[in-house]
PDB file of N, CA and C in Angstrom:
ATOM      1  N   UNK A   1     -19.775  24.035 -27.853  1.00  0.00           N
ATOM      2  CA  UNK A   1     -21.143  24.488 -28.558  1.00  0.00           C
ATOM      3  C   UNK A   1     -21.574  25.850 -28.151  1.00  0.00           C
ATOM      4  N   UNK A   2     -22.045  26.476 -28.799  1.00  0.00           N
ATOM      5  CA  UNK A   2     -22.689  27.783 -28.394  1.00  0.00           C
ATOM      6  C   UNK A   2     -24.073  27.511 -27.800  1.00  0.00           C
ATOM      7  N   UNK A   3     -24.397  28.276 -26.648  1.00  0.00           N
ATOM      8  CA  UNK A   3     -25.648  28.085 -26.018  1.00  0.00           C
ATOM      9  C   UNK A   3     -26.788  28.874 -26.764  1.00  0.00           C
ATOM     10  N   UNK A   4     -26.431  29.856 -27.547  1.00  0.00           N
ATOM     11  CA  UNK A   4     -27.629  30.477 -28.278  1.00  0.00           C
ATOM     12  C   UNK A   4     -28.460  29.353 -29.292  1.00  0.00           C
ATOM     13  N   UNK A   5     -29.545  29.531 -29.370  1.00  0.00           N
ATOM     14  CA  UNK A   5     -30.382  28.712 -30.394  1.00  0.00           C
ATOM     15  C   UNK A   5     -30.108  29.128 -31.558  1.00  0.00           C
ATOM     16  N   UNK A   6     -30.345  28.274 -32.590  1.00  0.00           N
ATOM     17  CA  UNK A   6     -30.215  28.930 -34.118  1.00  0.00           C
ATOM     18  C   UNK A   6     -31.094  29.821 -34.458  1.00  0.00           C
ATOM     19  N   UNK A   7     -32.537  29.466 -33.855  1.00  0.00           N
ATOM     20  CA  UNK A   7     -33.618  30.807 -34.026  1.00  0.00           C
ATOM     21  C   UNK A   7     -33.146  32.087 -33.612  1.00  0.00           C
ATOM     22  N   UNK A   8     -32.357  32.003 -32.365  1.00  0.00           N
ATOM     23  CA  UNK A   8     -31.934  33.292 -31.789  1.00  0.00           C
ATOM     24  C   UNK A   8     -30.813  34.039 -32.683  1.00  0.00           C
ATOM     25  N   UNK A   9     -29.767  33.002 -33.042  1.00  0.00           N
ATOM     26  CA  UNK A   9     -28.738  33.532 -34.025  1.00  0.00           C
ATOM     27  C   UNK A   9     -29.396  34.247 -35.369  1.00  0.00           C
ATOM     28  N   UNK A  10     -30.296  33.267 -35.916  1.00  0.00           N
ATOM     29  CA  UNK A  10     -30.994  34.007 -37.238  1.00  0.00           C
ATOM     30  C   UNK A  10     -31.671  35.102 -36.932  1.00  0.00           C
ATOM     31  N   UNK A  11     -32.226  35.380 -35.810  1.00  0.00           N
ATOM     32  CA  UNK A  11     -32.985  36.583 -35.876  1.00  0.00           C
ATOM     33  C   UNK A  11     -31.884  37.669 -35.224  1.00  0.00           C
ATOM     34  N   UNK A  12     -31.099  37.540 -34.508  1.00  0.00           N
ATOM     35  CA  UNK A  12     -30.193  38.669 -34.186  1.00  0.00           C
ATOM     36  C   UNK A  12     -29.537  39.028 -35.433  1.00  0.00           C
ATOM     37  N   UNK A  13     -28.984  38.160 -36.349  1.00  0.00           N
ATOM     38  CA  UNK A  13     -28.204  38.519 -37.532  1.00  0.00           C
ATOM     39  C   UNK A  13     -28.959  38.878 -38.753  1.00  0.00           C
ATOM     40  N   UNK A  14     -30.486  38.795 -38.336  1.00  0.00           N
ATOM     41  CA  UNK A  14     -31.388  39.069 -39.588  1.00  0.00           C
ATOM     42  C   UNK A  14     -31.067  38.273 -40.708  1.00  0.00           C
ATOM     43  N   UNK A  15     -30.768  37.000 -40.532  1.00  0.00           N
ATOM     44  CA  UNK A  15     -30.251  36.026 -41.578  1.00  0.00           C
ATOM     45  C   UNK A  15     -31.238  35.943 -42.586  1.00  0.00           C
ATOM     46  N   UNK A  16     -32.568  35.704 -42.449  1.00  0.00           N
ATOM     47  CA  UNK A  16     -33.633  35.519 -43.326  1.00  0.00           C
ATOM     48  C   UNK A  16     -33.832  36.488 -44.257  1.00  0.00           C
ATOM     49  N   UNK A  17     -33.457  37.617 -44.140  1.00  0.00           N
ATOM     50  CA  UNK A  17     -33.749  39.018 -44.947  1.00  0.00           C
ATOM     51  C   UNK A  17     -32.383  39.181 -45.771  1.00  0.00           C
ATOM     52  N   UNK A  18     -31.314  38.656 -45.780  1.00  0.00           N
ATOM     53  CA  UNK A  18     -30.114  38.658 -46.487  1.00  0.00           C
ATOM     54  C   UNK A  18     -30.021  38.035 -47.884  1.00  0.00           C
ATOM     55  N   UNK A  19     -30.771  36.996 -48.082  1.00  0.00           N
ATOM     56  CA  UNK A  19     -30.491  36.453 -49.412  1.00  0.00           C
ATOM     57  C   UNK A  19     -32.006  36.410 -50.249  1.00  0.00           C
ATOM     58  N   UNK A  20     -32.166  36.518 -51.322  1.00  0.00           N
ATOM     59  CA  UNK A  20     -33.293  36.379 -52.065  1.00  0.00           C
ATOM     60  C   UNK A  20     -33.671  34.995 -52.143  1.00  0.00           C
ATOM     61  N   UNK A  21     -35.059  34.739 -52.416  1.00  0.00           N
ATOM     62  CA  UNK A  21     -35.561  33.421 -52.404  1.00  0.00           C
ATOM     63  C   UNK A  21     -35.029  32.696 -53.378  1.00  0.00           C
ATOM     64  N   UNK A  22     -34.894  32.993 -54.542  1.00  0.00           N
ATOM     65  CA  UNK A  22     -34.454  32.024 -55.638  1.00  0.00           C
ATOM     66  C   UNK A  22     -32.946  31.673 -55.305  1.00  0.00           C
ATOM     67  N   UNK A  23     -32.128  32.411 -54.514  1.00  0.00           N
ATOM     68  CA  UNK A  23     -30.766  31.812 -54.060  1.00  0.00           C
ATOM     69  C   UNK A  23     -30.934  31.031 -52.803  1.00  0.00           C
ATOM     70  N   UNK A  24     -31.908  31.334 -52.029  1.00  0.00           N
ATOM     71  CA  UNK A  24     -31.961  30.442 -50.690  1.00  0.00           C
ATOM     72  C   UNK A  24     -32.551  28.945 -51.172  1.00  0.00           C
ATOM     73  N   UNK A  25     -33.145  28.920 -52.319  1.00  0.00           N
ATOM     74  CA  UNK A  25     -33.632  27.645 -52.814  1.00  0.00           C
ATOM     75  C   UNK A  25     -32.651  26.933 -53.540  1.00  0.00           C
ATOM     76  N   UNK A  26     -31.814  27.684 -54.122  1.00  0.00           N
ATOM     77  CA  UNK A  26     -30.573  27.213 -54.862  1.00  0.00           C
ATOM     78  C   UNK A  26     -29.747  26.587 -53.917  1.00  0.00           C
ATOM     79  N   UNK A  27     -29.344  27.233 -52.843  1.00  0.00           N
ATOM     80  CA  UNK A  27     -28.309  26.866 -51.907  1.00  0.00           C
ATOM     81  C   UNK A  27     -29.006  25.751 -51.071  1.00  0.00           C
ATOM     82  N   UNK A  28     -30.221  25.840 -50.786  1.00  0.00           N
ATOM     83  CA  UNK A  28     -30.836  24.565 -50.106  1.00  0.00           C
ATOM     84  C   UNK A  28     -30.799  23.476 -50.763  1.00  0.00           C
ATOM     85  N   UNK A  29     -31.148  23.481 -52.249  1.00  0.00           N
ATOM     86  CA  UNK A  29     -31.058  22.259 -53.085  1.00  0.00           C
ATOM     87  C   UNK A  29     -29.663  21.785 -53.146  1.00  0.00           C
ATOM     88  N   UNK A  30     -28.760  22.510 -53.190  1.00  0.00           N
ATOM     89  CA  UNK A  30     -27.147  22.158 -53.403  1.00  0.00           C
ATOM     90  C   UNK A  30     -26.808  21.450 -52.153  1.00  0.00           C
ATOM     91  N   UNK A  31     -27.393  21.850 -50.965  1.00  0.00           N
ATOM     92  CA  UNK A  31     -26.968  21.130 -49.656  1.00  0.00           C
ATOM     93  C   UNK A  31     -27.933  19.965 -49.260  1.00  0.00           C
ATOM     94  N   UNK A  32     -29.069  19.997 -49.519  1.00  0.00           N
ATOM     95  CA  UNK A  32     -30.029  18.984 -49.138  1.00  0.00           C
ATOM     96  C   UNK A  32     -30.535  18.079 -50.040  1.00  0.00           C
ATOM     97  N   UNK A  33     -30.146  18.389 -51.129  1.00  0.00           N
ATOM     98  CA  UNK A  33     -30.519  17.442 -52.474  1.00  0.00           C
ATOM     99  C   UNK A  33     -29.057  17.412 -52.915  1.00  0.00           C
ATOM    100  N   UNK A  34     -29.112  17.541 -54.539  1.00  0.00           N
ATOM    101  CA  UNK A  34     -28.142  17.535 -55.371  1.00  0.00           C
ATOM    102  C   UNK A  34     -28.338  18.656 -56.210  1.00  0.00           C
ATOM    103  N   UNK A  35     -27.265  19.400 -56.669  1.00  0.00           N
ATOM    104  CA  UNK A  35     -27.312  20.510 -57.544  1.00  0.00           C
ATOM    105  C   UNK A  35     -26.051  21.323 -57.213  1.00  0.00           C
ATOM    106  N   UNK A  36     -25.928  22.402 -58.107  1.00  0.00           N
ATOM    107  CA  UNK A  36     -24.946  23.223 -57.846  1.00  0.00           C
ATOM    108  C   UNK A  36     -25.512  24.891 -57.699  1.00  0.00           C
ATOM    109  N   UNK A  37     -24.736  25.458 -57.159  1.00  0.00           N
ATOM    110  CA  UNK A  37     -25.255  26.809 -56.755  1.00  0.00           C
ATOM    111  C   UNK A  37     -24.380  27.991 -57.761  1.00  0.00           C
ATOM    112  N   UNK A  38     -25.238  28.876 -58.362  1.00  0.00           N
ATOM    113  CA  UNK A  38     -24.586  29.603 -59.281  1.00  0.00           C
ATOM    114  C   UNK A  38     -23.602  30.937 -58.578  1.00  0.00           C
ATOM    115  N   UNK A  39     -22.894  31.468 -59.583  1.00  0.00           N
ATOM    116  CA  UNK A  39     -22.171  32.411 -59.044  1.00  0.00           C
ATOM    117  C   UNK A  39     -22.772  33.657 -58.207  1.00  0.00           C
ATOM    118  N   UNK A  40     -23.873  33.934 -58.826  1.00  0.00           N
ATOM    119  CA  UNK A  40     -24.549  34.810 -58.299  1.00  0.00           C
ATOM    120  C   UNK A  40     -24.904  34.751 -56.810  1.00  0.00           C
ATOM    121  N   UNK A  41     -25.686  33.400 -56.624  1.00  0.00           N
ATOM    122  CA  UNK A  41     -26.066  32.914 -55.382  1.00  0.00           C
ATOM    123  C   UNK A  41     -24.899  32.645 -54.275  1.00  0.00           C
ATOM    124  N   UNK A  42     -23.859  32.296 -54.829  1.00  0.00           N
ATOM    125  CA  UNK A  42     -22.771  32.206 -53.959  1.00  0.00           C
ATOM    126  C   UNK A  42     -22.336  33.373 -53.713  1.00  0.00           C
ATOM    127  N   UNK A  43     -22.432  34.556 -54.301  1.00  0.00           N
ATOM    128  CA  UNK A  43     -22.271  35.990 -53.851  1.00  0.00           C
ATOM    129  C   UNK A  43     -23.037  36.297 -52.801  1.00  0.00           C
ATOM    130  N   UNK A  44     -24.317  35.946 -52.819  1.00  0.00           N
ATOM    131  CA  UNK A  44     -25.385  36.290 -51.778  1.00  0.00           C
ATOM    132  C   UNK A  44     -25.063  35.419 -50.637  1.00  0.00           C
ATOM    133  N   UNK A  45     -24.685  34.053 -50.738  1.00  0.00           N
ATOM    134  CA  UNK A  45     -24.436  33.182 -49.537  1.00  0.00           C
ATOM    135  C   UNK A  45     -23.209  33.913 -48.777  1.00  0.00           C
ATOM    136  N   UNK A  46     -22.132  34.228 -49.681  1.00  0.00           N
ATOM    137  CA  UNK A  46     -21.080  34.785 -48.893  1.00  0.00           C
ATOM    138  C   UNK A  46     -21.407  36.053 -48.051  1.00  0.00           C
ATOM    139  N   UNK A  47     -21.947  36.930 -48.785  1.00  0.00           N
ATOM    140  CA  UNK A  47     -22.712  38.184 -47.986  1.00  0.00           C
ATOM    141  C   UNK A  47     -23.613  37.875 -46.669  1.00  0.00           C
ATOM    142  N   UNK A  48     -24.347  36.699 -46.849  1.00  0.00           N
ATOM    143  CA  UNK A  48     -25.172  36.229 -45.696  1.00  0.00           C
ATOM    144  C   UNK A  48     -24.180  35.967 -44.471  1.00  0.00           C
ATOM    145  N   UNK A  49     -23.024  35.291 -44.927  1.00  0.00           N
ATOM    146  CA  UNK A  49     -22.005  35.112 -43.613  1.00  0.00           C
ATOM    147  C   UNK A  49     -22.280  33.595 -43.216  1.00  0.00           C
ATOM    148  N   UNK A  50     -21.057  33.097 -42.933  1.00  0.00           N
ATOM    149  CA  UNK A  50     -21.008  31.804 -42.366  1.00  0.00           C
ATOM    150  C   UNK A  50     -21.882  31.353 -40.910  1.00  0.00           C
ATOM    151  N   UNK A  51     -21.903  32.359 -40.123  1.00  0.00           N
ATOM    152  CA  UNK A  51     -22.892  32.389 -38.913  1.00  0.00           C
ATOM    153  C   UNK A  51     -24.238  32.110 -39.423  1.00  0.00           C
ATOM    154  N   UNK A  52     -24.766  32.732 -40.344  1.00  0.00           N
ATOM    155  CA  UNK A  52     -26.274  32.459 -40.578  1.00  0.00           C
ATOM    156  C   UNK A  52     -26.230  31.422 -41.502  1.00  0.00           C
ATOM    157  N   UNK A  53     -25.265  31.139 -42.385  1.00  0.00           N
ATOM    158  CA  UNK A  53     -25.447  29.839 -43.166  1.00  0.00           C
ATOM    159  C   UNK A  53     -25.677  28.627 -42.260  1.00  0.00           C
ATOM    160  N   UNK A  54     -24.560  28.548 -41.313  1.00  0.00           N
ATOM    161  CA  UNK A  54     -24.677  27.410 -40.420  1.00  0.00           C
ATOM    162  C   UNK A  54     -25.839  27.463 -39.478  1.00  0.00           C
ATOM    163  N   UNK A  55     -26.403  28.449 -38.948  1.00  0.00           N
ATOM    164  CA  UNK A  55     -27.536  28.352 -38.254  1.00  0.00           C
ATOM    165  C   UNK A  55     -28.804  28.166 -39.036  1.00  0.00           C
ATOM    166  N   UNK A  56     -28.870  28.547 -40.330  1.00  0.00           N
ATOM    167  CA  UNK A  56     -30.050  28.149 -41.124  1.00  0.00           C
ATOM    168  C   UNK A  56     -29.975  26.617 -41.504  1.00  0.00           C
ATOM    169  N   UNK A  57     -28.741  26.003 -41.852  1.00  0.00           N
ATOM    170  CA  UNK A  57     -28.758  24.576 -41.955  1.00  0.00           C
ATOM    171  C   UNK A  57     -29.123  23.911 -40.872  1.00  0.00           C
ATOM    172  N   UNK A  58     -28.647  24.265 -39.733  1.00  0.00           N
ATOM    173  CA  UNK A  58     -28.800  23.380 -38.391  1.00  0.00           C
ATOM    174  C   UNK A  58     -30.363  23.662 -38.127  1.00  0.00           C
ATOM    175  N   UNK A  59     -30.941  24.812 -38.270  1.00  0.00           N
ATOM    176  CA  UNK A  59     -32.346  24.889 -37.996  1.00  0.00           C
ATOM    177  C   UNK A  59     -33.104  23.843 -38.847  1.00  0.00           C
ATOM    178  N   UNK A  60     -32.731  23.872 -40.050  1.00  0.00           N
ATOM    179  CA  UNK A  60     -33.621  22.885 -41.255  1.00  0.00           C
ATOM    180  C   UNK A  60     -33.508  21.531 -40.718  1.00  0.00           C
ATOM    181  N   UNK A  61     -32.351  21.322 -40.216  1.00  0.00           N
ATOM    182  CA  UNK A  61     -32.178  19.886 -39.904  1.00  0.00           C
ATOM    183  C   UNK A  61     -33.033  19.580 -38.464  1.00  0.00           C
ATOM    184  N   UNK A  62     -33.180  20.500 -37.804  1.00  0.00           N
ATOM    185  CA  UNK A  62     -34.320  20.394 -36.607  1.00  0.00           C
ATOM    186  C   UNK A  62     -35.897  20.110 -37.113  1.00  0.00           C
ATOM    187  N   UNK A  63     -35.898  20.670 -38.253  1.00  0.00           N
ATOM    188  CA  UNK A  63     -37.525  20.298 -38.622  1.00  0.00           C
ATOM    189  C   UNK A  63     -37.632  18.804 -38.889  1.00  0.00           C
ATOM    190  N   UNK A  64     -38.918  18.257 -38.349  1.00  0.00           N
ATOM    191  CA  UNK A  64     -39.133  17.060 -38.247  1.00  0.00           C
ATOM    192  C   UNK A  64     -39.213  16.457 -39.831  1.00  0.00           C
ATOM    193  N   UNK A  65     -39.459  17.395 -40.820  1.00  0.00           N
ATOM    194  CA  UNK A  65     -39.578  16.933 -42.091  1.00  0.00           C
ATOM    195  C   UNK A  65     -38.188  16.389 -42.751  1.00  0.00           C
ATOM    196  N   UNK A  66     -37.107  16.827 -42.091  1.00  0.00           N
ATOM    197  CA  UNK A  66     -35.909  16.332 -42.626  1.00  0.00           C
ATOM    198  C   UNK A  66     -35.187  15.382 -41.337  1.00  0.00           C
ATOM    199  N   UNK A  67     -35.959  14.768 -40.606  1.00  0.00           N
ATOM    200  CA  UNK A  67     -35.499  13.748 -39.402  1.00  0.00           C
ATOM    201  C   UNK A  67     -34.719  12.414 -40.061  1.00  0.00           C
ATOM    202  N   UNK A  68     -35.099  12.162 -41.463  1.00  0.00           N
ATOM    203  CA  UNK A  68     -34.424  10.865 -41.904  1.00  0.00           C
ATOM    204  C   UNK A  68     -33.248  11.474 -42.576  1.00  0.00           C
ATOM    205  N   UNK A  69     -32.683  12.461 -42.564  1.00  0.00           N
ATOM    206  CA  UNK A  69     -31.282  12.709 -43.236  1.00  0.00           C
ATOM    207  C   UNK A  69     -30.133  12.680 -42.348  1.00  0.00           C
ATOM    208  N   UNK A  70     -29.122  12.434 -42.769  1.00  0.00           N
ATOM    209  CA  UNK A  70     -27.900  12.251 -42.178  1.00  0.00           C
ATOM    210  C   UNK A  70     -27.392  13.654 -41.891  1.00  0.00           C
ATOM    211  N   UNK A  71     -27.454  14.057 -40.509  1.00  0.00           N
ATOM    212  CA  UNK A  71     -26.886  15.501 -40.180  1.00  0.00           C
ATOM    213  C   UNK A  71     -25.497  15.503 -40.592  1.00  0.00           C
ATOM    214  N   UNK A  72     -24.589  14.745 -40.163  1.00  0.00           N
ATOM    215  CA  UNK A  72     -23.307  15.021 -40.473  1.00  0.00           C
ATOM    216  C   UNK A  72     -23.121  15.154 -41.964  1.00  0.00           C
ATOM    217  N   UNK A  73     -23.752  14.335 -42.737  1.00  0.00           N
ATOM    218  CA  UNK A  73     -23.592  14.522 -44.224  1.00  0.00           C
ATOM    219  C   UNK A  73     -24.100  15.916 -44.663  1.00  0.00           C
ATOM    220  N   UNK A  74     -25.127  16.342 -44.103  1.00  0.00           N
ATOM    221  CA  UNK A  74     -25.652  17.701 -44.497  1.00  0.00           C
ATOM    222  C   UNK A  74     -24.703  18.734 -44.092  1.00  0.00           C
ATOM    223  N   UNK A  75     -24.252  18.695 -42.905  1.00  0.00           N
ATOM    224  CA  UNK A  75     -23.237  19.742 -42.449  1.00  0.00           C
ATOM    225  C   UNK A  75     -22.038  19.684 -43.294  1.00  0.00           C
ATOM    226  N   UNK A  76     -21.515  18.476 -43.575  1.00  0.00           N
ATOM    227  CA  UNK A  76     -20.265  18.380 -44.451  1.00  0.00           C
ATOM    228  C   UNK A  76     -20.630  19.081 -45.898  1.00  0.00           C
ATOM    229  N   UNK A  77     -21.794  18.749 -46.350  1.00  0.00           N
ATOM    230  CA  UNK A  77     -22.273  19.534 -47.725  1.00  0.00           C
ATOM    231  C   UNK A  77     -22.438  21.057 -47.703  1.00  0.00           C
ATOM    232  N   UNK A  78     -22.948  21.379 -46.364  1.00  0.00           N
ATOM    233  CA  UNK A  78     -23.030  22.830 -46.183  1.00  0.00           C
ATOM    234  C   UNK A  78     -21.648  23.545 -46.207  1.00  0.00           C
ATOM    235  N   UNK A  79     -20.739  22.879 -45.542  1.00  0.00           N
ATOM    236  CA  UNK A  79     -19.465  23.473 -45.440  1.00  0.00           C
ATOM    237  C   UNK A  79     -18.638  23.503 -46.860  1.00  0.00           C
ATOM    238  N   UNK A  80     -18.870  22.531 -47.475  1.00  0.00           N
ATOM    239  CA  UNK A  80     -18.473  22.259 -48.675  1.00  0.00           C
ATOM    240  C   UNK A  80     -18.939  23.357 -49.667  1.00  0.00           C
ATOM    241  N   UNK A  81     -20.261  23.604 -49.693  1.00  0.00           N
ATOM    242  CA  UNK A  81     -20.944  24.520 -50.614  1.00  0.00           C
ATOM    243  C   UNK A  81     -20.326  25.997 -49.956  1.00  0.00           C
ATOM    244  N   UNK A  82     -20.191  26.403 -48.806  1.00  0.00           N
ATOM    245  CA  UNK A  82     -19.631  27.537 -48.428  1.00  0.00           C
ATOM    246  C   UNK A  82     -18.315  27.708 -48.815  1.00  0.00           C
ATOM    247  N   UNK A  83     -17.521  26.662 -48.699  1.00  0.00           N
ATOM    248  CA  UNK A  83     -16.021  26.722 -49.165  1.00  0.00           C
ATOM    249  C   UNK A  83     -15.873  27.106 -50.729  1.00  0.00           C
ATOM    250  N   UNK A  84     -16.844  26.277 -51.281  1.00  0.00           N
ATOM    251  CA  UNK A  84     -16.725  26.364 -52.852  1.00  0.00           C
ATOM    252  C   UNK A  84     -16.930  27.974 -53.183  1.00  0.00           C
ATOM    253  N   UNK A  85     -18.381  28.373 -52.502  1.00  0.00           N
ATOM    254  CA  UNK A  85     -18.642  29.803 -52.611  1.00  0.00           C
ATOM    255  C   UNK A  85     -17.424  30.763 -52.448  1.00  0.00           C
ATOM    256  N   UNK A  86     -16.861  30.573 -51.266  1.00  0.00           N
ATOM    257  CA  UNK A  86     -15.872  31.441 -50.692  1.00  0.00           C
ATOM    258  C   UNK A  86     -14.658  31.562 -51.847  1.00  0.00           C
ATOM    259  N   UNK A  87     -14.337  30.491 -52.401  1.00  0.00           N
ATOM    260  CA  UNK A  87     -13.239  30.312 -53.312  1.00  0.00           C
ATOM    261  C   UNK A  87     -13.688  30.931 -54.339  1.00  0.00           C
ATOM    262  N   UNK A  88     -14.869  30.929 -55.042  1.00  0.00           N
ATOM    263  CA  UNK A  88     -15.396  31.383 -56.100  1.00  0.00           C
ATOM    264  C   UNK A  88     -15.398  33.056 -56.080  1.00  0.00           C
ATOM    265  N   UNK A  89     -15.793  33.387 -54.897  1.00  0.00           N
ATOM    266  CA  UNK A  89     -15.935  34.934 -54.802  1.00  0.00           C
ATOM    267  C   UNK A  89     -14.635  35.424 -54.397  1.00  0.00           C
ATOM    268  N   UNK A  90     -13.658  34.883 -53.665  1.00  0.00           N
ATOM    269  CA  UNK A  90     -12.343  35.486 -53.450  1.00  0.00           C
ATOM    270  C   UNK A  90     -11.587  35.383 -54.822  1.00  0.00           C
ATOM    271  N   UNK A  91     -11.509  34.414 -55.653  1.00  0.00           N
ATOM    272  CA  UNK A  91     -10.784  34.586 -56.889  1.00  0.00           C
ATOM    273  C   UNK A  91     -11.387  35.515 -57.923  1.00  0.00           C
ATOM    274  N   UNK A  92     -10.170  36.096 -58.584  1.00  0.00           N
ATOM    275  CA  UNK A  92     -10.454  37.174 -59.364  1.00  0.00           C
ATOM    276  C   UNK A  92     -11.353  36.830 -60.570  1.00  0.00           C
ATOM    277  N   UNK A  93     -12.391  37.428 -60.964  1.00  0.00           N
ATOM    278  CA  UNK A  93     -13.540  37.070 -62.074  1.00  0.00           C
ATOM    279  C   UNK A  93     -12.540  37.269 -63.370  1.00  0.00           C
ATOM    280  N   UNK A  94     -12.776  36.316 -64.346  1.00  0.00           N
ATOM    281  CA  UNK A  94     -11.969  36.838 -65.609  1.00  0.00           C
ATOM    282  C   UNK A  94     -12.545  37.787 -66.469  1.00  0.00           C
ATOM    283  N   UNK A  95     -14.004  37.986 -66.249  1.00  0.00           N
ATOM    284  CA  UNK A  95     -14.701  39.054 -66.862  1.00  0.00           C
ATOM    285  C   UNK A  95     -14.798  40.486 -66.045  1.00  0.00           C
ATOM    286  N   UNK A  96     -14.734  41.477 -66.413  1.00  0.00           N
ATOM    287  CA  UNK A  96     -14.745  42.670 -65.576  1.00  0.00           C
ATOM    288  C   UNK A  96     -15.691  43.696 -66.212  1.00  0.00           C
TER     289      UNK A  96
END
């Protein structure tokens, strides 16, 4: 496990400034609730990067508002969302 706190990782990588709010909310909903993430927001998520994505999810889990959530389930959903977006972005788009 890394010794850096999530806050430090987020600050050092400017994680909070890399995604627009609509996409942040979309990604959040797809991970912490139910829903899908659009292609546009997948693009923003991939640009955000895995380090930021992971740190932001973990920091959210540390918030007392989310103490009743199952962390393992949320982490699994965040990885699933990440992998789905990565696959979507890596695959050639049919429209040019």
